[in-house]
Amino acid sequence: MSHLLFALLSLFSFAALLEAQWKLRENVYVIESEWNDETPAKRVELTCNTSDEALPVYWKKGTELKGSGKTLIAEVKEFPDAGNYTCLAANTHEIISYGFLLITKINSNGQMIRSILKSFEEPNRTFLKCEAKNYSGIFMCSWMTENESPNMKFTIRSLKGSQGDVTCSTPVAHTDILVTKYTVQCQKENYCPFAEEHQPTEMFLEVIDEVEYENYTSSFFIRDIIKPDPPQCKYTATNETVTWTYPRTWSTPKTYFPLTFRVKIESTEEREIRVYDVDEESIQIPATGPKEISVQARDRYYNSSWSEWSSLCR
């Protein structure tokens, strides 16, 4: 009976160890740590990768000795507990293997607490935002951090995996006074702009800051993230007409991908603003004092985002 009880307790202990961590990639593990004072540390089992069972080994984290023997039980709760655990030969002090432990913060409901990235204002505190200028299958994804960290690492991919149907460039950082914005250009392979989408594109972003791990997702149809570039416009004083052309980056033919437009006319004397909805590429403006005129565009048949306003037409 005692042997059965010991076996059950051992099995329960092993299951608890498995629940405490998940493998991110070879030798790298993520520990889910409940972020409060009451919850105990997670016990994580690390095994030295040596085929010589008789070889005496020991474990270090940095300069700190952590234990001896092929198996090490590490207790992980706070960020100082995470990091690189190395297994070394006792006689030669040669590194045999290692295990790198990351921490992801979770709440009492088991949900990840995300604090590394700064959210966009809209829509609904989006952390990972993707936009497309046209229906080519090429789109841009972006995210923000408050401070650029030299040790921060990002991996973005399609949830279909490394052999999936989306490829992305290396993230590029754009830093200003308050935030650093990262952008990547992605392309959906074998995408047909004339066919209806039946499955959404699902993007998955992993963020590692020193020893802290977080991930973010964004699921969308290309038609839902369309945001055209602004039109190019001009004002002709002789016939009091504003004309504009489709953005050069917009999909062709425009008979299949038509745009609708808004024309904003602001009186510089009275500070009065009027906005006109137009499907054509011109509008006549009565000459009643100086005005500032700009144009924006949107997909005519689908409720996409409006473009930014164009440069002033006059």
Protein backbone atom coordinates (compact mmCIF):
# COMPACT_ATOMS: atom_id res chain seq x y z
CA MET A 1 0.00 0.00 0.00
CA SER A 2 2.85 2.34 0.87
CA HIS A 3 4.44 1.70 -2.54
CA LEU A 4 1.17 2.59 -4.28
CA LEU A 5 0.83 5.76 -2.22
CA PHE A 6 4.42 6.75 -3.05
CA ALA A 7 3.79 6.14 -6.76
CA LEU A 8 0.64 8.26 -6.67
CA LEU A 9 2.39 11.09 -4.83
CA SER A 10 5.28 10.96 -7.32
CA LEU A 11 2.86 11.08 -10.24
CA PHE A 12 1.03 14.05 -8.70
CA SER A 13 4.33 15.86 -8.09
CA PHE A 14 5.42 15.26 -11.70
CA ALA A 15 2.06 16.55 -13.01
CA ALA A 16 2.39 19.68 -10.86
CA LEU A 17 5.85 20.28 -12.30
CA LEU A 18 4.52 19.96 -15.84
CA GLU A 19 1.69 22.41 -15.14
CA ALA A 20 4.17 24.95 -13.80
CA GLN A 21 5.97 25.37 -17.10
CA TRP A 22 5.64 25.06 -20.86
CA LYS A 23 8.32 24.79 -23.48
CA LEU A 24 8.79 27.84 -25.68
CA ARG A 25 11.64 26.33 -27.69
CA GLU A 26 14.60 24.05 -27.06
CA ASN A 27 15.96 24.63 -23.51
CA VAL A 28 13.69 27.67 -23.00
CA TYR A 29 10.67 27.41 -20.70
CA VAL A 30 7.94 29.81 -19.62
CA ILE A 31 6.82 29.71 -16.01
CA GLU A 32 3.32 30.99 -15.25
CA SER A 33 3.64 32.89 -11.96
CA GLU A 34 0.53 34.11 -10.15
CA TRP A 35 1.36 37.71 -9.35
CA ASN A 36 0.46 38.09 -5.67
CA ASP A 37 2.18 37.62 -2.31
CA GLU A 38 0.09 34.68 -1.13
CA THR A 39 0.74 32.22 -3.95
CA PRO A 40 3.82 30.00 -3.41
CA ALA A 41 6.63 29.69 -5.92
CA LYS A 42 6.35 27.20 -8.78
CA ARG A 43 8.65 24.17 -8.57
CA VAL A 44 10.36 23.55 -11.89
CA GLU A 45 12.35 20.40 -12.68
CA LEU A 46 15.50 20.82 -14.78
CA THR A 47 17.42 17.80 -16.07
CA CYS A 48 21.07 17.85 -17.10
CA ASN A 49 21.40 16.58 -20.66
CA THR A 50 24.21 14.06 -20.22
CA SER A 51 24.32 10.43 -21.35
CA ASP A 52 26.89 9.56 -18.67
CA GLU A 53 24.77 8.72 -15.63
CA ALA A 54 27.85 8.41 -13.42
CA LEU A 55 29.25 11.84 -14.31
CA PRO A 56 29.11 14.14 -11.25
CA VAL A 57 27.49 17.46 -12.18
CA TYR A 58 26.36 20.64 -10.47
CA TRP A 59 24.08 23.59 -11.29
CA LYS A 60 24.76 27.32 -11.32
CA LYS A 61 22.71 30.42 -12.05
CA GLY A 62 25.13 33.20 -12.82
CA THR A 63 27.80 32.86 -10.12
CA GLU A 64 25.41 31.28 -7.60
CA LEU A 65 25.64 27.55 -6.89
CA LYS A 66 22.13 26.05 -7.07
CA GLY A 67 22.66 22.33 -6.41
CA SER A 68 24.28 19.10 -7.54
CA GLY A 69 23.07 16.02 -9.33
CA LYS A 70 21.49 15.41 -12.70
CA THR A 71 18.11 16.83 -11.64
CA LEU A 72 17.53 20.26 -10.12
CA ILE A 73 14.24 21.48 -8.63
CA ALA A 74 14.15 25.30 -9.00
CA GLU A 75 11.58 27.41 -7.19
CA VAL A 76 10.44 30.30 -9.38
CA LYS A 77 8.21 33.14 -8.25
CA GLU A 78 9.80 36.54 -9.00
CA PHE A 79 11.98 37.79 -11.85
CA PRO A 80 15.28 37.22 -9.95
CA ASP A 81 14.38 33.50 -9.82
CA ALA A 82 14.23 33.30 -13.63
CA GLY A 83 17.15 33.29 -16.04
CA ASN A 84 19.79 30.83 -17.21
CA TYR A 85 20.44 27.67 -15.17
CA THR A 86 23.57 25.84 -16.36
CA CYS A 87 24.64 22.28 -15.65
CA LEU A 88 28.42 21.81 -15.41
CA ALA A 89 30.74 18.80 -15.02
CA ALA A 90 32.13 18.68 -11.48
CA ASN A 91 35.64 17.67 -12.58
CA THR A 92 36.18 19.94 -15.64
CA HIS A 93 33.56 22.68 -14.92
CA GLU A 94 32.57 22.41 -18.58
CA ILE A 95 28.99 23.46 -19.39
CA ILE A 96 26.99 20.40 -20.39
CA SER A 97 23.51 21.84 -20.85
CA TYR A 98 21.28 24.66 -19.70
CA GLY A 99 17.68 25.64 -19.10
CA PHE A 100 16.53 29.23 -19.57
CA LEU A 101 13.47 30.10 -17.48
CA LEU A 102 11.13 32.98 -18.37
CA ILE A 103 8.25 34.29 -16.27
CA THR A 104 4.82 35.27 -17.51
CA LYS A 105 2.60 36.98 -14.96
CA ILE A 106 -0.90 35.59 -14.52
CA ASN A 107 -3.84 36.64 -12.34
CA SER A 108 -5.95 34.45 -10.04
CA ASN A 109 -8.05 33.36 -13.03
CA GLY A 110 -5.00 32.08 -14.91
CA GLN A 111 -5.10 34.91 -17.45
CA MET A 112 -1.87 36.50 -18.64
CA ILE A 113 -1.18 39.98 -17.26
CA ARG A 114 0.15 42.05 -20.15
CA SER A 115 2.20 45.11 -19.25
CA ILE A 116 5.22 45.22 -21.57
CA LEU A 117 3.44 46.78 -24.54
CA LYS A 118 1.57 50.07 -24.56
CA SER A 119 -1.92 49.90 -26.05
CA PHE A 120 -3.19 51.95 -28.95
CA GLU A 121 -6.07 54.25 -28.06
CA GLU A 122 -8.49 52.46 -30.31
CA PRO A 123 -10.11 50.13 -30.95
CA ASN A 124 -10.59 48.66 -27.47
CA ARG A 125 -7.02 48.92 -26.17
CA THR A 126 -5.46 47.08 -29.08
CA PHE A 127 -1.84 46.05 -28.46
CA LEU A 128 -1.13 44.52 -31.87
CA LYS A 129 -2.58 46.57 -34.74
CA CYS A 130 -2.52 45.52 -38.38
CA GLU A 131 -3.50 47.64 -41.40
CA ALA A 132 -3.50 47.15 -45.17
CA LYS A 133 -3.28 49.89 -47.81
CA ASN A 134 -4.95 47.71 -50.45
CA TYR A 135 -6.13 44.21 -51.28
CA SER A 136 -2.75 42.82 -52.36
CA GLY A 137 -2.36 40.66 -49.25
CA ILE A 138 0.45 42.88 -47.95
CA PHE A 139 -0.19 44.48 -44.56
CA MET A 140 1.68 46.26 -41.78
CA CYS A 141 1.52 45.26 -38.12
CA SER A 142 2.66 47.54 -35.31
CA TRP A 143 3.02 47.62 -31.53
CA MET A 144 4.44 50.07 -28.99
CA THR A 145 6.59 50.12 -25.87
CA GLU A 146 7.07 53.04 -23.53
CA ASN A 147 10.84 52.66 -23.41
CA GLU A 148 13.09 50.90 -25.86
CA SER A 149 15.02 48.11 -24.19
CA PRO A 150 18.18 46.81 -25.91
CA ASN A 151 17.37 43.33 -24.61
CA MET A 152 13.77 43.25 -25.79
CA LYS A 153 13.05 40.59 -28.41
CA PHE A 154 10.02 40.14 -30.67
CA THR A 155 8.80 37.21 -32.75
CA ILE A 156 5.73 37.61 -34.97
CA ARG A 157 4.20 34.87 -37.08
CA SER A 158 0.98 33.37 -38.30
CA LEU A 159 -0.67 30.94 -35.89
CA LYS A 160 -0.47 28.35 -38.66
CA GLY A 161 3.18 27.95 -37.69
CA SER A 162 6.56 28.48 -39.30
CA GLN A 163 5.36 26.82 -42.52
CA GLY A 164 2.20 28.94 -42.55
CA ASP A 165 0.88 31.29 -45.20
CA VAL A 166 2.21 34.61 -43.83
CA THR A 167 5.79 35.90 -43.96
CA CYS A 168 6.96 39.03 -42.11
CA SER A 169 10.02 41.26 -42.21
CA THR A 170 12.28 42.04 -39.25
CA PRO A 171 10.70 44.56 -36.82
CA VAL A 172 11.84 48.16 -37.31
CA ALA A 173 11.87 50.56 -34.34
CA HIS A 174 10.62 54.16 -34.64
CA THR A 175 11.46 56.07 -31.46
CA ASP A 176 10.09 59.40 -30.31
CA ILE A 177 10.09 61.12 -26.91
CA LEU A 178 7.35 59.02 -25.28
CA VAL A 179 7.16 55.66 -27.03
CA THR A 180 8.96 53.33 -29.39
CA LYS A 181 6.77 51.99 -32.18
CA TYR A 182 7.75 48.77 -33.94
CA THR A 183 6.49 47.89 -37.41
CA VAL A 184 6.76 44.85 -39.66
CA GLN A 185 5.56 44.30 -43.20
CA CYS A 186 3.80 40.99 -43.69
CA GLN A 187 2.53 39.24 -46.79
CA LYS A 188 -0.20 36.65 -47.07
CA GLU A 189 1.06 34.08 -49.56
CA ASN A 190 -1.14 33.01 -52.48
CA TYR A 191 -3.69 35.68 -51.58
CA CYS A 192 -6.25 36.48 -54.28
CA PRO A 193 -7.69 40.03 -54.01
CA PHE A 194 -10.72 39.07 -56.13
CA ALA A 195 -11.79 36.10 -53.99
CA GLU A 196 -13.81 36.20 -50.79
CA GLU A 197 -11.92 35.33 -47.60
CA HIS A 198 -13.37 32.41 -45.66
CA GLN A 199 -10.76 32.10 -42.89
CA PRO A 200 -9.28 35.01 -40.90
CA THR A 201 -5.58 35.74 -40.72
CA GLU A 202 -4.33 35.13 -37.18
CA MET A 203 -1.13 36.86 -36.12
CA PHE A 204 0.78 35.91 -32.97
CA LEU A 205 3.36 38.21 -31.35
CA GLU A 206 5.74 37.01 -28.63
CA VAL A 207 7.63 39.55 -26.52
CA ILE A 208 10.59 38.82 -24.24
CA ASP A 209 11.97 41.58 -22.04
CA GLU A 210 15.00 40.24 -20.14
CA VAL A 211 13.26 37.29 -18.36
CA GLU A 212 9.63 38.41 -18.75
CA TYR A 213 7.45 36.79 -21.43
CA GLU A 214 4.14 37.94 -22.92
CA ASN A 215 2.20 37.15 -26.10
CA TYR A 216 -0.48 38.96 -28.08
CA THR A 217 -2.81 37.95 -30.90
CA SER A 218 -4.73 39.69 -33.66
CA SER A 219 -7.32 37.95 -35.85
CA PHE A 220 -8.76 39.67 -38.92
CA PHE A 221 -9.90 39.45 -42.51
CA ILE A 222 -7.91 41.63 -44.90
CA ARG A 223 -11.09 43.53 -45.81
CA ASP A 224 -11.50 44.54 -42.15
CA ILE A 225 -8.06 46.17 -41.84
CA ILE A 226 -8.12 48.17 -45.08
CA LYS A 227 -7.02 51.78 -44.65
CA PRO A 228 -6.15 53.50 -47.96
CA ASP A 229 -3.46 56.09 -48.33
CA PRO A 230 -4.78 59.67 -48.74
CA PRO A 231 -5.77 60.81 -52.25
CA GLN A 232 -3.69 63.37 -54.12
CA CYS A 233 -5.69 66.54 -54.71
CA LYS A 234 -5.44 70.02 -56.19
CA TYR A 235 -7.61 73.15 -56.40
CA THR A 236 -8.08 75.01 -59.67
CA ALA A 237 -9.09 78.62 -59.01
CA THR A 238 -10.23 79.38 -62.55
CA ASN A 239 -13.23 77.07 -62.34
CA GLU A 240 -13.33 76.79 -58.52
CA THR A 241 -12.95 73.02 -58.67
CA VAL A 242 -11.16 70.55 -56.41
CA THR A 243 -9.96 67.41 -58.16
CA TRP A 244 -8.13 64.37 -56.82
CA THR A 245 -6.80 61.01 -57.90
CA TYR A 246 -6.86 57.58 -56.33
CA PRO A 247 -3.86 56.78 -54.09
CA ARG A 248 -1.06 55.20 -56.09
CA THR A 249 -0.96 52.32 -53.61
CA TRP A 250 -4.65 51.45 -54.06
CA SER A 251 -5.75 48.22 -55.76
CA THR A 252 -6.58 48.19 -59.46
CA PRO A 253 -8.74 48.26 -61.45
CA LYS A 254 -10.61 50.98 -59.61
CA THR A 255 -13.85 49.89 -61.30
CA TYR A 256 -13.58 46.70 -59.21
CA PHE A 257 -12.11 48.44 -56.15
CA PRO A 258 -13.94 51.81 -56.08
CA LEU A 259 -13.38 54.37 -53.34
CA THR A 260 -15.69 56.93 -51.84
CA PHE A 261 -14.40 60.30 -50.60
CA ARG A 262 -14.90 63.04 -48.07
CA VAL A 263 -13.97 66.62 -48.85
CA LYS A 264 -13.30 68.89 -45.87
CA ILE A 265 -13.57 72.63 -46.48
CA GLU A 266 -12.53 74.92 -43.67
CA SER A 267 -13.06 78.67 -43.91
CA THR A 268 -9.91 80.32 -42.58
CA GLU A 269 -11.80 83.52 -41.71
CA GLU A 270 -14.92 82.16 -40.01
CA ARG A 271 -13.34 78.86 -38.85
CA GLU A 272 -16.36 77.05 -40.27
CA ILE A 273 -15.88 73.43 -41.35
CA ARG A 274 -18.01 71.63 -43.93
CA VAL A 275 -17.61 68.01 -45.02
CA TYR A 276 -19.03 66.64 -48.27
CA ASP A 277 -19.42 62.96 -49.25
CA VAL A 278 -18.50 62.38 -52.89
CA ASP A 279 -18.13 59.29 -55.09
CA GLU A 280 -16.64 61.20 -58.02
CA GLU A 281 -13.12 62.63 -58.17
CA SER A 282 -14.02 66.31 -58.22
CA ILE A 283 -16.24 68.88 -56.53
CA GLN A 284 -16.95 72.54 -57.28
CA ILE A 285 -16.34 74.99 -54.42
CA PRO A 286 -17.93 78.48 -54.43
CA ALA A 287 -15.32 81.23 -54.09
CA THR A 288 -16.35 82.85 -50.80
CA GLY A 289 -13.11 83.76 -49.14
CA PRO A 290 -9.93 81.80 -48.34
CA LYS A 291 -10.32 78.10 -47.53
CA GLU A 292 -8.31 75.08 -46.52
CA ILE A 293 -9.35 71.96 -48.44
CA SER A 294 -8.36 68.31 -47.92
CA VAL A 295 -9.70 64.92 -49.00
CA GLN A 296 -9.84 61.43 -47.50
CA ALA A 297 -10.89 58.07 -48.96
CA ARG A 298 -12.52 54.78 -47.97
CA ASP A 299 -13.59 51.57 -49.69
CA ARG A 300 -16.94 52.40 -51.30
CA TYR A 301 -18.64 49.06 -50.72
CA TYR A 302 -17.10 47.92 -47.45
CA ASN A 303 -16.98 49.71 -44.13
CA SER A 304 -13.21 50.02 -43.96
CA SER A 305 -11.26 52.72 -42.14
CA TRP A 306 -11.01 56.18 -43.65
CA SER A 307 -7.60 57.24 -44.84
CA GLU A 308 -5.78 60.09 -43.18
CA TRP A 309 -6.64 63.50 -44.60
CA SER A 310 -4.61 64.50 -47.62
CA SER A 311 -2.23 67.43 -47.68
CA LEU A 312 -4.00 70.71 -48.33
CA CYS A 313 -5.34 70.95 -51.88
CA ARG A 314 -4.62 74.66 -52.08
